[in-house]
Protein backbone atom coordinates (compact mmCIF):
# COMPACT_ATOMS: atom_id res chain seq x y z
CA MET A 1 61.53 -11.74 1.37
CA THR A 2 59.17 -12.09 4.30
CA SER A 3 56.46 -9.62 5.09
CA LYS A 4 56.40 -8.04 8.48
CA GLU A 5 53.44 -9.27 10.54
CA PRO A 6 51.78 -6.67 12.76
CA ARG A 7 52.05 -7.32 16.46
CA CYS A 8 48.95 -7.99 18.53
CA ASN A 9 49.13 -4.63 20.27
CA GLU A 10 49.52 -2.73 17.00
CA LEU A 11 46.48 -1.45 15.10
CA PRO A 12 46.68 -1.43 11.29
CA MET A 13 46.86 2.01 9.79
CA GLU A 14 43.68 2.99 7.93
CA SER A 15 44.24 4.52 4.53
CA PRO A 16 42.40 7.70 3.48
CA GLN A 17 40.49 5.59 0.95
CA ASP A 18 39.29 3.23 3.71
CA GLU A 19 38.31 6.20 5.88
CA THR A 20 36.35 7.70 2.99
CA ALA A 21 34.62 4.38 2.33
CA ASP A 22 33.73 3.96 6.02
CA THR A 23 32.34 7.49 6.20
CA THR A 24 30.27 6.93 3.07
CA SER A 25 28.87 3.61 4.39
CA VAL A 26 27.89 5.19 7.71
CA LEU A 27 26.19 8.09 5.95
CA LEU A 28 24.30 5.71 3.63
CA ALA A 29 23.19 3.54 6.56
CA SER A 30 21.93 6.54 8.52
CA ARG A 31 20.17 8.04 5.52
CA SER A 32 18.54 4.72 4.62
CA SER A 33 17.21 4.37 8.17
CA SER A 34 15.75 7.89 8.13
CA TYR A 35 14.11 7.41 4.73
CA LEU A 36 12.50 4.13 5.79
CA LEU A 37 11.19 5.51 9.09
CA ILE A 38 9.71 8.68 7.60
CA GLY A 39 8.28 6.80 4.61
CA THR A 40 6.64 4.19 6.85
CA LEU A 41 5.16 6.85 9.12
CA CYS A 42 3.78 8.65 6.06
CA GLY A 43 2.09 5.42 4.97
CA ILE A 44 0.55 4.94 8.41
CA ILE A 45 -0.70 8.54 8.47
CA GLY A 46 -2.11 8.28 4.94
CA GLY A 47 -4.00 5.05 5.54
CA GLY A 48 -4.95 5.71 9.15
CA PHE A 49 -6.13 9.30 8.88
CA SER A 50 -8.11 8.76 5.67
CA SER A 51 -9.90 5.82 7.36
CA TYR A 52 -10.48 7.98 10.45
CA ILE A 53 -12.08 10.72 8.34
CA THR A 54 -14.35 8.16 6.67
CA TYR A 55 -15.43 6.70 10.02
CA ALA A 56 -15.62 9.88 12.12
CA TYR A 57 -17.63 11.84 9.56
CA SER A 58 -19.85 9.00 8.37
CA SER A 59 -22.97 10.91 9.44
CA GLU A 60 -22.39 13.76 6.98
CA TYR A 61 -25.45 14.32 4.80
CA SER A 62 -23.60 13.40 1.59
CA ARG A 63 -23.24 9.81 2.87
CA MET A 64 -26.75 9.60 4.29
CA LEU A 65 -28.84 10.71 1.29
CA ASN A 66 -30.02 8.43 -1.49
CA MET A 67 -30.75 9.10 -5.16
CA GLU A 68 -33.96 10.96 -4.24
CA GLY A 69 -32.28 13.29 -1.75
CA GLU A 70 -33.83 11.45 1.20
CA ARG A 71 -32.14 9.54 4.02
CA PHE A 72 -31.39 5.90 3.29
CA PRO A 73 -34.28 3.71 4.50
CA SER A 74 -31.79 1.50 6.35
CA GLY A 75 -30.68 4.45 8.47
CA ASN A 76 -27.03 3.54 7.81
CA PRO A 77 -24.53 5.70 5.94
CA TYR A 78 -22.99 4.41 2.73
CA TRP A 79 -19.86 2.48 3.61
CA PRO A 80 -17.32 1.88 0.82
CA PRO A 81 -16.46 -1.79 0.19
CA SER A 82 -12.73 -1.09 -0.12
CA VAL A 83 -10.08 1.46 0.82
CA SER A 84 -9.55 2.36 -2.83
CA ASN A 85 -13.27 2.98 -3.22
CA MET A 86 -13.12 5.20 -0.15
CA VAL A 87 -10.41 7.44 -1.65
CA ASN A 88 -11.45 7.32 -5.32
CA ASP A 89 -12.35 11.03 -5.29
CA ILE A 90 -9.00 12.81 -4.91
CA GLU A 91 -10.85 16.07 -4.19
CA SER A 92 -12.47 14.60 -1.07
CA PRO A 93 -10.77 15.07 2.34
CA GLN A 94 -9.84 11.41 2.66
CA GLY A 95 -8.74 11.24 -0.98
CA LYS A 96 -6.34 14.18 -0.57
CA VAL A 97 -4.76 12.74 2.58
CA TRP A 98 -4.39 9.28 1.04
CA LEU A 99 -2.83 10.49 -2.19
CA CYS A 100 -0.38 12.85 -0.50
CA PHE A 101 0.99 10.51 2.14
CA MET A 102 0.92 7.21 0.23
CA VAL A 103 2.83 8.64 -2.74
CA THR A 104 5.36 10.20 -0.36
CA SER A 105 5.67 6.89 1.49
CA ALA A 106 6.33 4.95 -1.72
CA PHE A 107 9.09 7.27 -2.91
CA LEU A 108 10.84 7.44 0.48
CA ALA A 109 10.76 3.64 0.90
CA MET A 110 12.25 3.27 -2.57
CA LEU A 111 14.96 5.84 -1.84
CA SER A 112 15.87 4.06 1.40
CA GLN A 113 17.14 0.97 -0.50
CA TYR A 114 16.67 -0.84 2.82
CA PRO A 115 16.98 -4.42 1.46
CA PHE A 116 20.55 -3.55 0.41
CA THR A 117 21.57 -1.60 3.53
CA PHE A 118 19.80 -3.27 6.48
CA PRO A 119 21.65 -6.35 7.87
CA ASN A 120 18.35 -7.85 9.08
CA VAL A 121 16.91 -7.75 5.53
CA TYR A 122 20.00 -8.30 3.35
CA ILE A 123 19.92 -11.83 1.85
CA GLY A 124 22.55 -11.50 -0.89
CA ASN A 125 22.06 -10.45 -4.47
CA ASP A 126 22.38 -14.01 -5.82
CA VAL A 127 18.90 -15.08 -4.64
CA PRO A 128 16.52 -15.01 -7.64
CA LEU A 129 13.00 -13.66 -7.31
CA LEU A 130 11.65 -16.53 -9.41
CA PRO A 131 13.93 -19.60 -9.05
CA PHE A 132 11.98 -21.64 -11.61
CA VAL A 133 12.64 -18.96 -14.25
CA ALA A 134 16.35 -19.09 -13.45
CA ARG A 135 16.33 -22.88 -13.85
CA ALA A 136 14.30 -22.83 -17.07
CA PHE A 137 16.22 -19.98 -18.73
CA PRO A 138 19.67 -19.90 -17.10
CA SER A 139 21.32 -17.98 -19.94
CA CYS A 140 18.56 -15.36 -20.35
CA PHE A 141 17.50 -14.91 -16.71
CA PRO A 142 20.31 -16.12 -14.42
CA ASN A 143 18.75 -14.20 -11.52
CA GLY A 144 15.21 -15.36 -12.20
CA PHE A 145 14.22 -12.16 -14.02
CA MET A 146 15.63 -10.09 -11.15
CA SER A 147 17.12 -10.67 -7.73
CA MET A 148 14.81 -10.92 -4.75
CA MET A 149 16.49 -7.94 -3.07
CA SER A 150 16.02 -5.74 -6.14
CA ALA A 151 12.40 -6.87 -6.36
CA ARG A 152 11.79 -6.03 -2.70
CA THR A 153 13.42 -2.63 -3.16
CA TYR A 154 11.39 -1.47 -6.16
CA LEU A 155 8.32 -3.60 -6.95
CA PRO A 156 6.29 -3.06 -3.72
CA GLN A 157 6.83 0.69 -3.95
CA ILE A 158 5.77 0.74 -7.61
CA GLY A 159 2.75 -1.30 -6.57
CA MET A 160 1.90 1.20 -3.84
CA LEU A 161 2.00 4.01 -6.40
CA MET A 162 -0.29 2.03 -8.73
CA VAL A 163 -2.79 1.43 -5.92
CA ALA A 164 -2.69 5.09 -4.86
CA LEU A 165 -3.04 6.56 -8.35
CA VAL A 166 -5.25 4.02 -10.19
CA HIS A 167 -8.48 3.98 -8.19
CA THR A 168 -11.57 1.85 -8.25
CA THR A 169 -15.00 3.52 -8.34
CA PRO A 170 -18.50 2.85 -6.96
CA ALA A 171 -20.33 0.01 -8.70
CA ASN A 172 -22.91 2.24 -10.42
CA VAL A 173 -20.23 4.17 -12.34
CA TRP A 174 -17.98 1.17 -12.99
CA SER A 175 -17.91 1.56 -16.77
CA PRO A 176 -16.15 -0.83 -19.20
CA ALA A 177 -13.35 1.72 -19.63
CA GLN A 178 -12.92 1.92 -15.86
CA ASN A 179 -12.96 -1.86 -15.68
CA ALA A 180 -10.06 -1.97 -18.15
CA THR A 181 -7.84 -0.23 -15.58
CA ILE A 182 -8.51 -2.74 -12.80
CA VAL A 183 -5.57 -4.85 -13.98
CA PHE A 184 -3.21 -2.07 -12.88
CA HIS A 185 -4.90 -1.54 -9.53
CA THR A 186 -5.01 -5.26 -8.74
CA GLY A 187 -1.51 -5.75 -10.11
CA GLY A 188 -0.28 -2.94 -7.88
CA ALA A 189 -1.81 -4.60 -4.82
CA LEU A 190 -0.11 -7.90 -5.72
CA LEU A 191 3.24 -6.16 -6.12
CA TRP A 192 2.89 -4.21 -2.88
CA ILE A 193 1.59 -6.98 -0.63
CA GLY A 194 2.49 -10.16 -2.52
CA VAL A 195 6.14 -9.43 -3.31
CA THR A 196 6.82 -8.04 0.17
CA LEU A 197 5.30 -11.03 1.98
CA TYR A 198 7.02 -13.49 -0.37
CA ALA A 199 10.43 -11.88 0.15
CA GLU A 200 9.84 -11.51 3.89
CA ALA A 201 8.90 -15.19 4.27
CA TYR A 202 12.08 -16.19 2.43
CA THR A 203 14.18 -13.86 4.58
CA LEU A 204 12.78 -15.21 7.85
CA GLU A 205 12.52 -18.90 6.98
CA VAL A 206 15.18 -19.71 4.38
CA SER A 207 17.94 -17.11 4.31
CA LYS A 208 21.15 -17.82 6.22
CA VAL A 209 22.56 -14.37 5.48
CA ALA A 210 20.04 -12.02 7.10
CA VAL A 211 20.87 -11.26 10.74
CA VAL A 212 17.55 -11.57 12.57
CA GLY A 213 17.17 -11.96 16.33
CA LYS A 214 14.65 -14.23 18.05
CA THR A 215 12.25 -11.51 19.22
CA GLU A 216 12.46 -9.65 15.92
CA ARG A 217 11.77 -12.84 13.98
CA ARG A 218 8.63 -13.53 16.01
CA LEU A 219 7.32 -9.99 15.58
CA ARG A 220 7.97 -10.00 11.85
CA TRP A 221 6.27 -13.38 11.44
CA ALA A 222 3.29 -12.05 13.42
CA CYS A 223 2.99 -9.12 11.00
CA VAL A 224 3.18 -11.48 8.01
CA VAL A 225 0.51 -13.84 9.36
CA LEU A 226 -1.83 -11.02 10.41
CA ALA A 227 -1.42 -9.35 7.01
CA LEU A 228 -2.35 -12.62 5.28
CA ILE A 229 -5.40 -13.13 7.52
CA SER A 230 -6.56 -9.56 6.92
CA ALA A 231 -6.07 -9.86 3.17
CA SER A 232 -8.09 -13.10 3.14
CA PHE A 233 -11.12 -11.25 4.56
CA TYR A 234 -10.91 -8.72 1.75
CA ILE A 235 -10.46 -11.39 -0.94
CA VAL A 236 -13.43 -13.43 0.30
CA SER A 237 -15.69 -10.37 0.48
CA GLY A 238 -14.67 -9.44 -3.06
CA ILE A 239 -15.31 -12.90 -4.52
CA LEU A 240 -18.54 -13.74 -2.70
CA SER A 241 -21.52 -11.41 -2.67
CA PRO A 242 -23.87 -11.15 0.34
CA ASP A 243 -26.71 -12.50 -1.81
CA ALA A 244 -24.68 -15.61 -2.64
CA LEU A 245 -24.33 -16.28 1.09
CA GLY A 246 -27.97 -15.52 1.80
CA LEU A 247 -27.17 -12.36 3.75
CA CYS A 248 -29.51 -9.38 3.90
CA CYS A 249 -29.40 -6.62 2.88
CA ASP A 250 -26.95 -5.42 0.24
CA VAL A 251 -26.84 -1.96 -1.34
CA GLU A 252 -30.02 -1.43 -3.39
CA TYR A 253 -29.84 0.30 -6.77
CA ARG A 254 -32.79 1.54 -8.83
CA ARG A 255 -33.26 2.99 -12.27
CA VAL A 256 -33.06 6.78 -12.44
CA THR A 257 -35.86 8.74 -14.12
CA MET A 258 -36.76 12.41 -14.42
CA ALA A 259 -39.16 11.87 -11.53
CA THR A 260 -36.12 10.87 -9.45
CA VAL A 261 -34.31 14.04 -10.50
CA ASP A 262 -37.32 16.24 -9.72
CA LYS A 263 -37.74 14.63 -6.30
CA ALA A 264 -34.08 15.21 -5.46
CA ARG A 265 -34.42 18.85 -6.47
CA SER A 266 -37.59 19.29 -4.44
CA ASN A 267 -35.70 17.94 -1.42
CA GLY A 268 -32.94 20.51 -1.96
CA ALA A 269 -30.38 17.86 -2.99
CA TYR A 270 -29.22 19.70 -6.10
CA ALA A 271 -25.81 17.99 -6.33
CA ILE A 272 -27.50 14.59 -6.15
CA ALA A 273 -29.93 15.70 -8.87
CA GLN A 274 -26.93 16.48 -11.09
CA GLN A 275 -25.49 13.05 -10.39
CA ASP A 276 -28.85 11.51 -11.29
CA LEU A 277 -28.81 13.34 -14.62
CA ALA A 278 -25.32 12.01 -15.35
CA LEU A 279 -26.50 8.48 -14.56
CA MET A 280 -29.53 8.92 -16.84
CA GLU A 281 -27.25 10.09 -19.64
CA GLY A 282 -24.99 7.07 -19.20
CA ALA A 283 -27.95 4.69 -19.25
CA ARG A 284 -29.41 6.43 -22.31
CA PHE A 285 -26.30 5.96 -24.41
CA THR A 286 -25.30 2.57 -22.98
CA PRO A 287 -28.41 0.45 -23.49
CA ASN A 288 -26.56 -2.81 -22.78
CA ALA A 289 -25.21 -1.64 -19.41
CA THR A 290 -25.18 -4.37 -16.78
CA ALA A 291 -26.78 -3.55 -13.42
CA PRO A 292 -25.98 -1.65 -11.30
CA LEU A 293 -24.10 0.46 -13.87
CA TYR A 294 -25.76 3.88 -14.32
CA MET A 295 -28.36 3.15 -11.65
CA GLY A 296 -28.99 5.29 -8.57
CA MET A 297 -28.32 4.18 -5.00
CA TYR A 298 -31.66 3.90 -3.24
CA ASP A 299 -30.60 2.22 0.01
CA SER A 300 -27.35 1.48 1.83
CA ALA A 301 -26.35 -1.93 3.15
CA SER A 302 -27.56 -3.26 6.48
CA GLY A 303 -27.57 -6.47 8.50
CA GLY A 304 -25.26 -9.30 7.46
CA ALA A 305 -24.40 -7.63 4.16
CA LEU A 306 -23.08 -4.57 6.00
CA VAL A 307 -21.01 -6.78 8.30
CA MET A 308 -19.51 -8.49 5.26
CA ILE A 309 -18.70 -5.14 3.62
CA LEU A 310 -17.05 -3.87 6.81
CA LEU A 311 -15.01 -7.08 7.17
CA GLY A 312 -13.76 -6.65 3.62
CA PHE A 313 -12.97 -2.97 4.13
CA TRP A 314 -11.10 -3.42 7.40
CA GLY A 315 -9.44 -6.55 6.05
CA GLU A 316 -7.87 -4.54 3.24
CA ALA A 317 -6.96 -1.73 5.63
CA GLY A 318 -5.48 -4.23 8.08
CA ALA A 319 -3.34 -5.89 5.42
CA GLY A 320 -1.75 -2.56 4.56
CA ALA A 321 -1.37 -1.62 8.24
CA PHE A 322 0.46 -4.84 9.15
CA MET A 323 2.72 -4.43 6.11
CA LEU A 324 3.73 -1.00 7.41
CA LEU A 325 4.11 -2.27 10.98
CA ASN A 326 6.46 -4.93 9.63
CA LEU A 327 8.67 -2.16 8.24
CA LEU A 328 8.65 -0.43 11.63
CA VAL A 329 9.81 -3.65 13.29
CA ILE A 330 12.59 -4.01 10.71
CA TRP A 331 13.66 -0.41 11.31
CA TYR A 332 13.57 -0.72 15.11
CA PHE A 333 15.79 -3.82 15.26
CA SER A 334 18.23 -2.68 12.58
CA GLU A 335 21.71 -1.48 13.45
CA ASN A 336 21.30 1.32 10.93
CA ARG A 337 19.14 3.43 13.23
CA THR A 338 21.80 3.45 15.98
CA VAL A 339 24.84 4.11 13.82
CA ASP A 340 26.98 7.06 14.94
CA LEU A 341 27.74 9.64 12.30
CA PRO A 342 31.36 10.89 12.17
CA PRO A 343 32.01 14.33 13.70
CA ALA A 344 33.55 15.45 10.41
CA PHE A 345 34.00 14.23 6.86
CA ALA A 346 36.96 12.09 5.90
CA VAL A 347 40.24 13.88 5.18
CA GLU A 348 39.97 13.52 1.40
CA LEU A 349 36.42 14.85 1.34
CA GLU A 350 37.37 17.78 3.56
CA GLU A 351 40.39 18.62 1.40
CA ALA A 352 38.24 18.53 -1.74
CA ARG A 353 35.78 20.92 -0.10
CA VAL A 354 38.56 23.34 0.86
CA GLU A 355 40.05 23.28 -2.65
CA ARG A 356 36.71 24.26 -4.16
């Protein structure tokens, strides 16, 4: 028995199951595109607007007064050394904006599942995240602990949540207990930036599956390189202190006494006086505290030290910004954003709705 071959001018009939599957895939593609776009925009708003608030309102008295309730001798406002330090107080204006939009961004990016649905990111689920683990333990971890696409879908977003929710604090209140949490904050940054850049480099340089055009490839590589350069500024400023490089003048801390508290009160800086009392209490019951823990801030940074702090701050901010811009490039060049939704649901879905 021979099967009847369809003629060239005849179109194969599509079964209701195929129509349902096609409708579902189109809906998933459209939804994934929307989630990624909105999530990325939320991240840009969260990082950009919180940095804007910090810069635009840097002359507010709370950032200009020292431990004695007087203006910093340097004449400069206190500038946080990192983005996380900037938003460590979730009750502050910048802290509220950061927490709201970055958490929203992380969840929407995770819900988008874009590595599985975007043709210009899809590399196949057989690519291991850690190839050496797959080679060393083929029976236990055949996919190298997890596939690279799964890692790119979940780990950076989990890392973003860790960075947004586990904050750093100013150096003079960086207690041993606070220091114990730094592993989660730093680990979150590595997951967010490290895993994304690693997977993106593989996608652009190695993968033969991802469908990436020439212009898109150049733009995505530019985002990767600029993110790495920005991150290097932050890493260097965190490892090396201004004093080690012979730069003047770093933030100056001094021991807090009751005379300091009284002077702050006499200057009308009652909130600062309360902070001074808290620092005195910490120093009283932590005699082995390492400077500048539980010391008051007498002067803000200036000169070369301030330049180094600003380079570190904007380096960290730039790394996050270029990561988010990379997602915008991926979204813009993806077919998912231009997919046409069907005018109505598939026949089977419509019949099921009518029966209910």
